[in-house]
Amino acid sequence: MPEHPVHVILAAEGVSEVSVPGTLRVFTPVQRLTRAGAVMLVAILLAGSLLPIPIIHLIGPPALLVAGIVLAVRQLRAGVRLAPMHVSCPKCGYRNRIGGGQGWHNVNHPMERHCDSCRRILELRVETDRLPPPAP
């Protein structure tokens, strides 16, 4: 999984933005397909484990399969993931945990999030210098 150094910027209205270095992990198409396949496999196994349970077997397996398909599609679309890190809120100074998770389809668009402490709306941007375009 190729990694690229980036600048993670957390901005809020009325104060100066906070910029810290971070690492962006780029998934290859094979890795994306493997992650999506793993999600579907887990969904199928969980759905199969609910089949012998009365009443639940009517709703549980179809719901798990639909959820598995939705999550697998998200895994296929997620081309990059920000490595877990901490960034201070520009308003209150609280260290927010950023990164990890399923990943993003496109890091060129800012993402809105809330501070874990003061609950103010923050804008998360990733500045990439020479990042290759995401794989389709």
Foldseek 3Di string as FASTA:
>chain_A
DDKDKWWKWKDDPPFDIFIDIWIKAFDDQVRLQVVLVVLQVVLQVVLVVCCVPPPCVVPPNVVSNVVSNVVSVLSNQFGMWIDWDWTAHRPPGDTDIDIDDSHDNDQQDWDWDADPPPRGIITIHIGGDDDDDGDD
